[in-house]
Protein backbone atom coordinates (compact mmCIF):
# COMPACT_ATOMS: atom_id res chain seq x y z
CA UNK A 1 0.00 0.00 0.00
CA UNK A 2 1.32 3.47 -0.87
CA UNK A 3 1.85 6.28 1.67
CA UNK A 4 -1.35 7.95 0.53
CA UNK A 5 -3.21 4.66 0.69
CA UNK A 6 -2.12 4.18 4.30
CA UNK A 7 -3.13 7.75 5.19
CA UNK A 8 -6.57 7.33 3.63
CA UNK A 9 -7.08 3.91 5.22
CA UNK A 10 -6.16 5.26 8.67
CA UNK A 11 -8.63 8.15 8.40
CA UNK A 12 -11.44 5.88 7.21
CA UNK A 13 -10.78 3.32 9.96
CA UNK A 14 -10.10 5.48 13.00
CA UNK A 15 -11.47 9.00 12.43
CA UNK A 16 -15.09 9.81 13.19
CA UNK A 17 -17.23 12.77 12.20
CA UNK A 18 -16.60 15.07 15.20
CA UNK A 19 -19.87 17.02 15.22
CA UNK A 20 -23.08 17.71 13.30
CA UNK A 21 -25.89 15.41 12.19
CA UNK A 22 -23.44 12.60 11.30
CA UNK A 23 -21.46 12.80 14.56
CA UNK A 24 -19.83 9.52 15.53
CA UNK A 25 -20.06 7.96 12.09
CA UNK A 26 -16.87 6.99 10.21
CA UNK A 27 -15.28 9.96 8.44
CA UNK A 28 -15.46 9.24 4.72
CA UNK A 29 -13.16 11.43 2.69
CA UNK A 30 -14.61 13.18 -0.34
CA UNK A 31 -13.02 12.68 -3.74
CA UNK A 32 -11.30 16.09 -3.74
CA UNK A 33 -9.77 15.30 -0.33
CA UNK A 34 -8.54 11.91 -1.52
CA UNK A 35 -7.04 13.48 -4.65
CA UNK A 36 -5.22 16.04 -2.51
CA UNK A 37 -3.84 13.39 -0.14
CA UNK A 38 -2.66 11.25 -3.07
CA UNK A 39 -0.82 14.16 -4.69
CA UNK A 40 0.82 15.13 -1.38
CA UNK A 41 1.91 11.72 -0.10
CA UNK A 42 2.38 9.87 -3.42
CA UNK A 43 4.11 12.72 -5.27
CA UNK A 44 5.88 10.98 -8.17
CA UNK A 45 8.04 14.00 -9.02
CA UNK A 46 9.65 14.76 -5.66
CA UNK A 47 9.13 14.66 -1.91
CA UNK A 48 6.34 17.11 -1.14
CA UNK A 49 7.56 19.96 1.05
CA UNK A 50 4.65 22.36 0.60
CA UNK A 51 1.01 21.56 -0.13
CA UNK A 52 -1.74 24.14 -0.68
CA UNK A 53 -5.46 23.36 -0.69
CA UNK A 54 -7.63 26.42 -1.32
CA UNK A 55 -11.40 25.96 -1.19
CA UNK A 56 -14.47 27.97 -0.22
CA UNK A 57 -15.71 27.94 3.36
CA UNK A 58 -17.77 25.04 4.78
CA UNK A 59 -15.99 22.44 2.66
CA UNK A 60 -14.46 20.60 5.60
CA UNK A 61 -11.12 22.41 5.89
CA UNK A 62 -10.79 22.19 9.66
CA UNK A 63 -11.97 18.57 9.90
CA UNK A 64 -9.41 17.55 7.28
CA UNK A 65 -6.67 19.34 9.24
CA UNK A 66 -7.71 17.50 12.41
CA UNK A 67 -7.64 14.14 10.62
CA UNK A 68 -4.17 14.80 9.18
CA UNK A 69 -2.93 15.76 12.65
CA UNK A 70 -3.96 12.31 13.90
CA UNK A 71 -2.32 10.65 10.88
CA UNK A 72 1.01 12.17 11.92
CA UNK A 73 0.36 11.78 15.65
CA UNK A 74 -0.40 8.04 15.91
CA UNK A 75 -0.98 6.98 12.32
CA UNK A 76 1.25 5.79 9.48
CA UNK A 77 3.13 9.12 9.27
CA UNK A 78 4.08 9.26 12.97
CA UNK A 79 7.82 9.74 13.67
CA UNK A 80 9.59 9.00 16.92
CA UNK A 81 9.84 12.04 19.25
CA UNK A 82 8.63 14.48 16.59
CA UNK A 83 6.49 17.59 16.84
CA UNK A 84 3.39 18.65 14.90
CA UNK A 85 1.83 22.11 14.91
CA UNK A 86 -1.20 23.75 13.41
CA UNK A 87 -1.17 27.53 13.14
CA UNK A 88 -4.08 29.95 12.91
CA UNK A 89 -4.39 33.73 13.07
CA UNK A 90 -6.62 33.76 16.15
CA UNK A 91 -6.88 31.78 19.39
CA UNK A 92 -10.44 30.75 18.56
CA UNK A 93 -9.48 29.33 15.16
CA UNK A 94 -6.48 27.52 16.64
CA UNK A 95 -8.67 26.10 19.40
CA UNK A 96 -11.15 24.80 16.83
CA UNK A 97 -8.57 22.49 15.24
CA UNK A 98 -7.60 21.17 18.67
CA UNK A 99 -11.25 20.64 19.66
CA UNK A 100 -12.10 18.70 16.49
CA UNK A 101 -9.01 16.49 16.82
CA UNK A 102 -9.86 15.86 20.49
CA UNK A 103 -13.45 14.96 19.62
CA UNK A 104 -12.20 12.50 16.99
CA UNK A 105 -10.01 10.88 19.64
CA UNK A 106 -12.86 10.63 22.15
CA UNK A 107 -15.16 9.05 19.56
CA UNK A 108 -12.81 6.09 19.00
CA UNK A 109 -11.73 3.75 21.81
CA UNK A 110 -8.55 2.71 20.01
CA UNK A 111 -7.44 6.35 19.74
CA UNK A 112 -8.40 7.07 23.35
CA UNK A 113 -5.97 4.39 24.47
CA UNK A 114 -2.96 5.89 22.69
CA UNK A 115 -3.60 9.66 22.69
CA UNK A 116 -3.34 11.90 25.74
CA UNK A 117 -5.37 15.12 25.54
CA UNK A 118 -3.99 18.17 27.38
CA UNK A 119 -6.73 20.86 27.22
CA UNK A 120 -4.74 23.49 29.15
CA UNK A 121 -2.03 23.57 26.51
CA UNK A 122 -4.26 22.76 23.55
CA UNK A 123 -1.98 19.84 22.83
CA UNK A 124 -2.17 16.12 22.12
CA UNK A 125 0.45 13.48 22.87
CA UNK A 126 0.73 10.37 20.72
CA UNK A 127 1.99 7.76 23.19
CA UNK A 128 3.35 5.01 20.88
CA UNK A 129 5.93 7.27 19.16
CA UNK A 130 5.98 10.13 21.70
CA UNK A 131 4.71 12.62 19.09
CA UNK A 132 3.50 15.99 20.38
CA UNK A 133 0.89 18.18 18.67
CA UNK A 134 0.26 21.80 19.61
CA UNK A 135 -2.33 24.27 18.31
CA UNK A 136 -0.70 27.68 17.90
CA UNK A 137 -2.21 31.13 17.42
CA UNK A 138 -0.65 34.25 15.93
CA UNK A 139 -1.91 36.30 18.86
CA UNK A 140 -0.13 33.98 21.30
CA UNK A 141 3.56 33.65 22.17
CA UNK A 142 4.11 29.96 21.47
CA UNK A 143 5.51 29.91 17.92
CA UNK A 144 9.21 29.98 18.83
CA UNK A 145 11.42 27.18 20.12
CA UNK A 146 9.74 24.42 18.11
CA UNK A 147 10.98 21.94 15.51
CA UNK A 148 7.88 20.55 13.76
CA UNK A 149 8.12 17.85 11.10
CA UNK A 150 4.58 18.81 10.05
CA UNK A 151 3.12 22.32 10.12
CA UNK A 152 -0.46 22.89 9.01
CA UNK A 153 -1.36 26.54 8.42
CA UNK A 154 -5.08 27.21 8.75
CA UNK A 155 -6.53 30.19 6.83
CA UNK A 156 -3.35 31.83 5.58
CA UNK A 157 -5.73 33.90 3.44
CA UNK A 158 -6.36 36.08 6.50
CA UNK A 159 -2.75 37.30 6.46
CA UNK A 160 -2.47 40.78 4.95
CA UNK A 161 0.68 41.60 3.02
CA UNK A 162 3.57 39.37 2.00
CA UNK A 163 5.15 38.79 5.42
CA UNK A 164 3.99 37.42 8.76
CA UNK A 165 6.23 36.92 11.79
CA UNK A 166 4.11 34.07 13.17
CA UNK A 167 4.25 32.01 9.97
CA UNK A 168 7.94 32.86 9.50
CA UNK A 169 8.65 31.45 12.96
CA UNK A 170 6.85 28.20 12.17
CA UNK A 171 8.48 27.75 8.76
CA UNK A 172 12.01 28.50 9.92
CA UNK A 173 11.53 26.08 12.82
CA UNK A 174 11.10 23.26 10.29
CA UNK A 175 14.72 23.65 9.18
CA UNK A 176 15.87 20.69 11.28
CA UNK A 177 14.30 18.32 8.74
CA UNK A 178 15.12 17.89 5.05
CA UNK A 179 11.63 16.55 4.35
CA UNK A 180 9.48 18.63 6.73
CA UNK A 181 5.98 19.09 5.32
CA UNK A 182 3.96 22.31 5.38
CA UNK A 183 0.26 22.04 4.49
CA UNK A 184 -1.71 25.24 3.86
CA UNK A 185 -5.51 24.95 3.82
CA UNK A 186 -7.41 28.19 3.30
CA UNK A 187 -9.86 30.28 1.34
CA UNK A 188 -8.19 32.79 -0.97
CA UNK A 189 -6.67 36.07 0.20
CA UNK A 190 -8.22 39.36 -1.00
CA UNK A 191 -5.31 40.71 -3.08
CA UNK A 192 -2.40 39.59 -5.25
CA UNK A 193 0.04 41.10 -2.74
CA UNK A 194 -1.06 38.97 0.19
CA UNK A 195 1.02 36.03 1.41
CA UNK A 196 -1.29 33.23 0.25
CA UNK A 197 -1.76 34.78 -3.20
CA UNK A 198 2.00 35.05 -3.63
CA UNK A 199 2.43 31.40 -2.60
CA UNK A 200 -0.30 30.21 -4.98
CA UNK A 201 0.95 32.27 -7.93
CA UNK A 202 4.53 31.13 -7.37
CA UNK A 203 3.46 27.48 -7.17
CA UNK A 204 1.57 27.75 -10.45
CA UNK A 205 4.28 29.71 -12.29
CA UNK A 206 7.30 27.77 -11.06
CA UNK A 207 5.82 24.28 -11.34
CA UNK A 208 8.07 23.32 -8.42
CA UNK A 209 7.82 19.51 -8.13
CA UNK A 210 8.05 19.69 -4.33
CA UNK A 211 4.95 21.91 -4.14
CA UNK A 212 1.40 20.59 -4.58
CA UNK A 213 -1.34 23.13 -5.33
CA UNK A 214 -5.08 22.35 -5.49
CA UNK A 215 -7.02 25.56 -6.13
CA UNK A 216 -10.82 25.26 -6.17
CA UNK A 217 -12.11 28.68 -7.22
CA UNK A 218 -14.77 30.20 -9.43
CA UNK A 219 -11.90 32.23 -10.92
CA UNK A 220 -10.79 29.02 -12.65
CA UNK A 221 -13.67 29.63 -15.08
CA UNK A 222 -12.33 33.02 -16.22
CA UNK A 223 -10.94 33.52 -19.70
CA UNK A 224 -8.37 36.14 -20.72
CA UNK A 225 -9.61 39.68 -20.34
CA UNK A 226 -12.28 38.80 -17.79
CA UNK A 227 -12.23 39.86 -14.16
CA UNK A 228 -13.65 38.56 -10.92
CA UNK A 229 -16.92 40.40 -11.47
CA UNK A 230 -17.54 38.54 -14.74
CA UNK A 231 -18.38 35.40 -12.76
CA UNK A 232 -22.15 35.28 -12.23
CA UNK A 233 -22.95 34.82 -8.55
CA UNK A 234 -25.85 32.54 -9.48
CA UNK A 235 -23.91 30.31 -11.89
CA UNK A 236 -24.03 26.67 -10.68
CA UNK A 237 -20.70 26.00 -12.43
CA UNK A 238 -19.07 28.68 -10.27
CA UNK A 239 -20.56 27.10 -7.15
CA UNK A 240 -19.18 23.68 -8.05
CA UNK A 241 -15.75 25.08 -8.97
CA UNK A 242 -15.23 26.57 -5.50
CA UNK A 243 -17.17 24.04 -3.44
CA UNK A 244 -15.97 20.53 -4.32
CA UNK A 245 -17.99 19.09 -1.41
CA UNK A 246 -21.30 20.11 -3.03
CA UNK A 247 -23.46 17.03 -3.38
CA UNK A 248 -21.68 15.49 -0.42
CA UNK A 249 -21.49 17.30 2.93
CA UNK A 250 -21.63 20.91 1.65
CA UNK A 251 -25.15 22.33 1.96
CA UNK A 252 -26.40 23.46 -1.45
CA UNK A 253 -29.39 25.21 0.15
CA UNK A 254 -27.24 27.42 2.40
CA UNK A 255 -24.94 28.30 -0.51
CA UNK A 256 -27.86 29.15 -2.81
CA UNK A 257 -29.50 31.30 -0.15
CA UNK A 258 -26.29 33.26 0.38
CA UNK A 259 -25.53 33.94 -3.30
CA UNK A 260 -29.13 34.98 -4.00
CA UNK A 261 -28.95 37.47 -1.13
CA UNK A 262 -25.62 38.81 -2.42
CA UNK A 263 -27.08 39.17 -5.91
CA UNK A 264 -29.78 41.44 -4.45
CA UNK A 265 -27.59 43.38 -2.01
CA UNK A 266 -24.29 44.85 -3.30
CA UNK A 267 -22.93 45.19 0.24
CA UNK A 268 -22.79 41.37 0.50
CA UNK A 269 -21.24 40.69 -2.89
CA UNK A 270 -17.51 40.90 -2.19
CA UNK A 271 -17.57 38.83 0.98
CA UNK A 272 -19.70 36.22 -0.81
CA UNK A 273 -17.31 36.05 -3.73
CA UNK A 274 -14.35 35.61 -1.39
CA UNK A 275 -15.83 33.18 1.13
CA UNK A 276 -18.33 31.22 -0.98
CA UNK A 277 -16.81 31.31 -4.49
CA UNK A 278 -13.20 31.44 -3.24
CA UNK A 279 -12.38 34.37 -5.49
CA UNK A 280 -9.43 36.66 -4.90
CA UNK A 281 -11.44 39.74 -3.99
CA UNK A 282 -11.51 42.12 -1.05
CA UNK A 283 -14.34 41.69 1.42
CA UNK A 284 -14.61 45.49 1.65
CA UNK A 285 -17.78 47.22 0.48
CA UNK A 286 -18.08 46.98 -3.28
CA UNK A 287 -19.14 50.29 -4.84
CA UNK A 288 -21.08 49.11 -7.89
CA UNK A 289 -22.16 45.49 -8.29
CA UNK A 290 -21.45 43.71 -11.61
CA UNK A 291 -25.18 43.38 -12.21
CA UNK A 292 -25.73 47.14 -11.94
CA UNK A 293 -22.62 47.86 -14.02
CA UNK A 294 -23.81 45.61 -16.84
CA UNK A 295 -27.14 47.47 -16.93
CA UNK A 296 -25.23 50.48 -18.31
CA UNK A 297 -23.49 48.65 -21.13
CA UNK A 298 -25.41 50.53 -23.85
CA UNK A 299 -23.07 52.78 -25.85
CA UNK A 300 -23.19 56.57 -25.38
CA UNK A 301 -24.76 58.62 -28.18
CA UNK A 302 -22.98 61.41 -30.02
CA UNK A 303 -26.11 63.57 -29.85
CA UNK A 304 -25.67 63.86 -26.09
CA UNK A 305 -22.24 65.46 -26.53
CA UNK A 306 -23.38 67.69 -29.39
CA UNK A 307 -26.39 69.04 -27.51
CA UNK A 308 -25.65 68.68 -23.80
CA UNK A 309 -23.26 70.18 -21.28
CA UNK A 310 -20.11 68.15 -20.77
CA UNK A 311 -18.39 67.40 -17.47
CA UNK A 312 -15.15 65.55 -16.86
CA UNK A 313 -13.09 63.85 -14.19
CA UNK A 314 -9.30 63.45 -14.19
CA UNK A 315 -7.20 61.07 -12.10
CA UNK A 316 -3.49 61.19 -12.92
CA UNK A 317 -2.01 58.68 -10.43
CA UNK A 318 1.67 57.82 -10.96
CA UNK A 319 3.31 58.51 -14.33
CA UNK A 320 4.47 54.88 -14.38
CA UNK A 321 0.92 53.64 -13.92
CA UNK A 322 -2.59 54.25 -15.24
CA UNK A 323 -3.89 57.77 -15.95
CA UNK A 324 -7.61 58.22 -16.50
CA UNK A 325 -9.89 60.88 -17.99
CA UNK A 326 -13.64 60.30 -18.00
CA UNK A 327 -16.09 62.75 -19.53
CA UNK A 328 -19.82 62.65 -20.05
CA UNK A 329 -22.93 64.58 -20.96
CA UNK A 330 -26.30 64.25 -19.27
CA UNK A 331 -28.89 64.15 -22.02
CA UNK A 332 -32.55 63.16 -21.76
CA UNK A 333 -32.01 62.19 -18.12
CA UNK A 334 -29.13 59.82 -18.89
CA UNK A 335 -25.38 60.14 -18.50
CA UNK A 336 -23.53 59.31 -21.73
CA UNK A 337 -19.98 58.48 -20.68
CA UNK A 338 -16.71 58.19 -22.58
CA UNK A 339 -13.24 57.63 -21.23
CA UNK A 340 -9.55 57.78 -22.09
CA UNK A 341 -6.70 55.90 -20.41
CA UNK A 342 -2.93 56.26 -20.78
CA UNK A 343 -0.07 54.00 -19.85
CA UNK A 344 3.65 54.04 -20.59
CA UNK A 345 4.38 51.71 -23.50
CA UNK A 346 7.40 50.08 -21.85
CA UNK A 347 5.34 48.97 -18.84
CA UNK A 348 2.49 47.23 -20.68
CA UNK A 349 3.71 43.63 -20.58
CA UNK A 350 5.25 43.76 -17.11
CA UNK A 351 2.20 45.43 -15.56
CA UNK A 352 -0.15 43.09 -17.43
CA UNK A 353 1.47 40.23 -15.53
CA UNK A 354 1.44 42.19 -12.26
CA UNK A 355 -2.19 43.25 -12.45
CA UNK A 356 -3.36 40.16 -14.37
CA UNK A 357 -5.14 42.23 -17.02
CA UNK A 358 -4.33 42.46 -20.77
CA UNK A 359 -2.93 46.01 -20.99
CA UNK A 360 -1.00 45.08 -24.13
CA UNK A 361 -4.10 43.77 -25.90
CA UNK A 362 -6.19 46.75 -24.81
CA UNK A 363 -3.51 49.03 -26.25
CA UNK A 364 -3.50 47.21 -29.58
CA UNK A 365 -7.31 47.39 -29.71
CA UNK A 366 -7.33 51.15 -29.01
CA UNK A 367 -8.86 51.06 -25.54
CA UNK A 368 -5.61 52.14 -23.90
CA UNK A 369 -3.45 55.00 -25.19
CA UNK A 370 0.31 54.86 -24.78
CA UNK A 371 3.33 57.11 -24.77
CA UNK A 372 6.92 55.96 -25.40
CA UNK A 373 9.18 55.06 -22.48
CA UNK A 374 8.56 53.97 -18.91
CA UNK A 375 6.52 57.01 -17.80
CA UNK A 376 3.35 58.58 -19.17
CA UNK A 377 4.15 61.76 -21.10
CA UNK A 378 1.81 64.50 -19.85
CA UNK A 379 2.31 66.39 -23.10
CA UNK A 380 0.62 63.47 -24.88
CA UNK A 381 -2.17 63.42 -22.28
CA UNK A 382 -2.81 67.16 -22.66
CA UNK A 383 -2.87 66.97 -26.46
CA UNK A 384 -5.21 63.96 -26.46
CA UNK A 385 -7.68 65.58 -24.06
CA UNK A 386 -7.66 68.88 -25.96
CA UNK A 387 -8.38 67.10 -29.24
CA UNK A 388 -11.10 64.94 -27.69
CA UNK A 389 -12.98 67.90 -26.21
CA UNK A 390 -12.67 70.18 -29.23
CA UNK A 391 -16.02 71.76 -30.07
CA UNK A 392 -17.82 70.50 -26.96
CA UNK A 393 -19.57 72.66 -24.37
CA UNK A 394 -17.39 71.75 -21.39
CA UNK A 395 -18.87 72.95 -18.11
CA UNK A 396 -16.13 71.71 -15.79
CA UNK A 397 -13.42 69.07 -15.27
CA UNK A 398 -12.85 67.85 -11.71
CA UNK A 399 -9.18 67.11 -11.12
CA UNK A 400 -7.18 65.76 -8.23
CA UNK A 401 -4.45 68.24 -7.27
CA UNK A 402 -1.80 65.51 -7.33
CA UNK A 403 0.57 66.17 -10.26
CA UNK A 404 -1.91 68.53 -11.92
CA UNK A 405 0.56 71.43 -12.05
CA UNK A 406 2.69 69.48 -14.51
CA UNK A 407 -0.29 68.69 -16.74
CA UNK A 408 -1.57 72.27 -16.51
CA UNK A 409 1.79 73.48 -17.79
CA UNK A 410 1.59 71.08 -20.74
CA UNK A 411 -1.87 72.39 -21.62
CA UNK A 412 -0.47 75.93 -21.66
CA UNK A 413 2.31 74.88 -24.04
CA UNK A 414 -0.09 73.53 -26.68
CA UNK A 415 -0.15 75.50 -29.93
CA UNK A 416 -3.89 76.14 -29.71
CA UNK A 417 -4.24 75.92 -25.95
CA UNK A 418 -7.89 75.28 -25.05
CA UNK A 419 -9.52 77.25 -22.27
CA UNK A 420 -10.82 74.30 -20.27
CA UNK A 421 -12.59 74.92 -16.93
CA UNK A 422 -10.58 72.77 -14.53
CA UNK A 423 -11.99 72.53 -11.01
CA UNK A 424 -9.91 71.19 -8.06
CA UNK A 425 -11.50 68.17 -6.41
CA UNK A 426 -10.30 66.50 -3.23
CA UNK A 427 -10.28 62.74 -2.85
CA UNK A 428 -11.03 62.74 0.88
CA UNK A 429 -14.37 62.26 2.59
CA UNK A 430 -15.45 65.92 2.35
CA UNK A 431 -15.49 66.00 -1.45
CA UNK A 432 -16.01 62.33 -2.23
CA UNK A 433 -18.92 61.49 0.11
CA UNK A 434 -21.52 63.57 -1.79
CA UNK A 435 -19.95 62.53 -5.11
CA UNK A 436 -20.23 58.83 -4.17
CA UNK A 437 -23.87 59.35 -3.19
CA UNK A 438 -24.68 61.16 -6.44
CA UNK A 439 -22.95 58.57 -8.62
CA UNK A 440 -24.60 55.69 -6.77
CA UNK A 441 -28.05 57.17 -7.37
CA UNK A 442 -27.36 57.48 -11.10
CA UNK A 443 -26.11 53.87 -11.28
CA UNK A 444 -28.98 52.39 -9.27
CA UNK A 445 -31.51 54.24 -11.43
CA UNK A 446 -29.74 52.91 -14.53
CA UNK A 447 -29.04 56.38 -15.87
CA UNK A 448 -25.41 55.81 -16.89
CA UNK A 449 -24.42 54.54 -20.34
CA UNK A 450 -20.73 53.61 -20.43
CA UNK A 451 -20.64 51.20 -23.37
CA UNK A 452 -18.74 48.53 -21.45
CA UNK A 453 -15.30 50.04 -22.06
CA UNK A 454 -12.98 47.22 -20.84
CA UNK A 455 -10.52 49.40 -18.92
CA UNK A 456 -13.31 51.30 -17.17
CA UNK A 457 -15.04 47.98 -16.47
CA UNK A 458 -11.86 46.71 -14.81
CA UNK A 459 -11.74 49.83 -12.63
CA UNK A 460 -15.40 49.39 -11.68
CA UNK A 461 -14.81 45.77 -10.67
CA UNK A 462 -11.93 46.83 -8.40
CA UNK A 463 -13.60 49.85 -6.79
CA UNK A 464 -14.43 49.48 -3.11
CA UNK A 465 -15.49 52.08 -0.57
CA UNK A 466 -14.49 52.76 3.00
CA UNK A 467 -16.44 54.69 5.62
CA UNK A 468 -15.54 57.15 8.34
CA UNK A 469 -17.25 57.13 11.77
CA UNK A 470 -20.01 59.36 10.37
CA UNK A 471 -20.68 56.79 7.61
CA UNK A 472 -19.33 59.06 4.87
CA UNK A 473 -17.85 57.09 1.98
CA UNK A 474 -14.98 57.42 -0.45
CA UNK A 475 -13.20 55.16 -2.89
CA UNK A 476 -10.12 53.57 -1.37
CA UNK A 477 -7.17 52.51 -3.52
CA UNK A 478 -5.32 50.78 -0.69
CA UNK A 479 -8.15 48.27 -0.12
CA UNK A 480 -8.88 47.69 -3.80
CA UNK A 481 -7.63 44.59 -5.60
CA UNK A 482 -6.47 46.51 -8.69
CA UNK A 483 -6.61 49.83 -10.52
CA UNK A 484 -9.64 52.06 -9.84
CA UNK A 485 -8.47 55.28 -11.55
CA UNK A 486 -11.30 55.28 -14.09
CA UNK A 487 -14.00 54.99 -11.46
CA UNK A 488 -12.33 57.69 -9.38
CA UNK A 489 -12.49 60.02 -12.38
CA UNK A 490 -16.11 59.06 -13.15
CA UNK A 491 -17.26 59.73 -9.59
CA UNK A 492 -15.47 63.10 -9.58
CA UNK A 493 -17.23 63.98 -12.84
CA UNK A 494 -20.69 63.21 -11.48
CA UNK A 495 -19.85 64.84 -8.16
CA UNK A 496 -18.90 68.08 -9.90
CA UNK A 497 -22.04 68.08 -12.04
CA UNK A 498 -24.19 67.40 -8.99
CA UNK A 499 -22.58 70.21 -6.99
CA UNK A 500 -23.18 72.71 -9.80
CA UNK A 501 -26.80 71.60 -10.13
CA UNK A 502 -27.25 72.03 -6.37
CA UNK A 503 -25.79 75.55 -6.48
CA UNK A 504 -28.15 76.47 -9.32
CA UNK A 505 -31.15 75.04 -7.48
CA UNK A 506 -30.30 77.01 -4.33
CA UNK A 507 -29.78 80.35 -6.09
CA UNK A 508 -32.38 83.09 -5.78
CA UNK A 509 -35.28 83.04 -8.24
CA UNK A 510 -34.52 86.73 -8.97
CA UNK A 511 -31.08 85.72 -10.26
CA UNK A 512 -32.79 83.63 -12.92
CA UNK A 513 -35.52 86.09 -14.10
CA UNK A 514 -36.41 89.77 -13.89
CA UNK A 515 -38.43 91.21 -11.02
CA UNK A 516 -42.06 91.64 -12.02
CA UNK A 517 -43.97 94.56 -10.39
CA UNK A 518 -47.75 94.41 -10.25
Foldseek 3Di string as FASTA:
>chain_A
DFPLVQLQVCQQPQFAQLDDPRGLHRDHDDPVLSVQSCCQRVQPPDHAAEEEAAFFPPQCLLLSLLSVVVCCQANPNDAAQAEEEEEEADPVVLLSSLSSNVSRQVSGPVSVVQWDQDVVQSKIAGRPRRYIYGRYHLPDDPLADHAHLEYEYEALLVAAFQDDPSVVSNVVSPVVDPRRHYYYYHQHHQACGRNVNVVQVCCVVVVPSNYHYDHQALCVPDDALDDLLVRQLQDVVLQCSRRVCVVHRRDPVVSNVLSVVCVVPQLSVQVCRRRRRSDNHFNFRALDHSVLVVLQQAAFDPVQQLPFEKFKFWEQPFQLDKTKIKMWGQDPNATHIDIAIEHEPVCQVVVCVVLVHRSVVCCVVPLYHYDYDRGGDLLVVLVVVCVVCPPTNYPEYEYEPVPVVVNVVSLVPDPPRDPHHYDYAHQDLVQQQQLSVQVSVCSVVSRYHYNPRSVQVVLSVFWGWDADPVRRIGTDPVSTRHHNNHVNTVSSRRSVVVVVVVVVVPDDPCVVDPDDDD
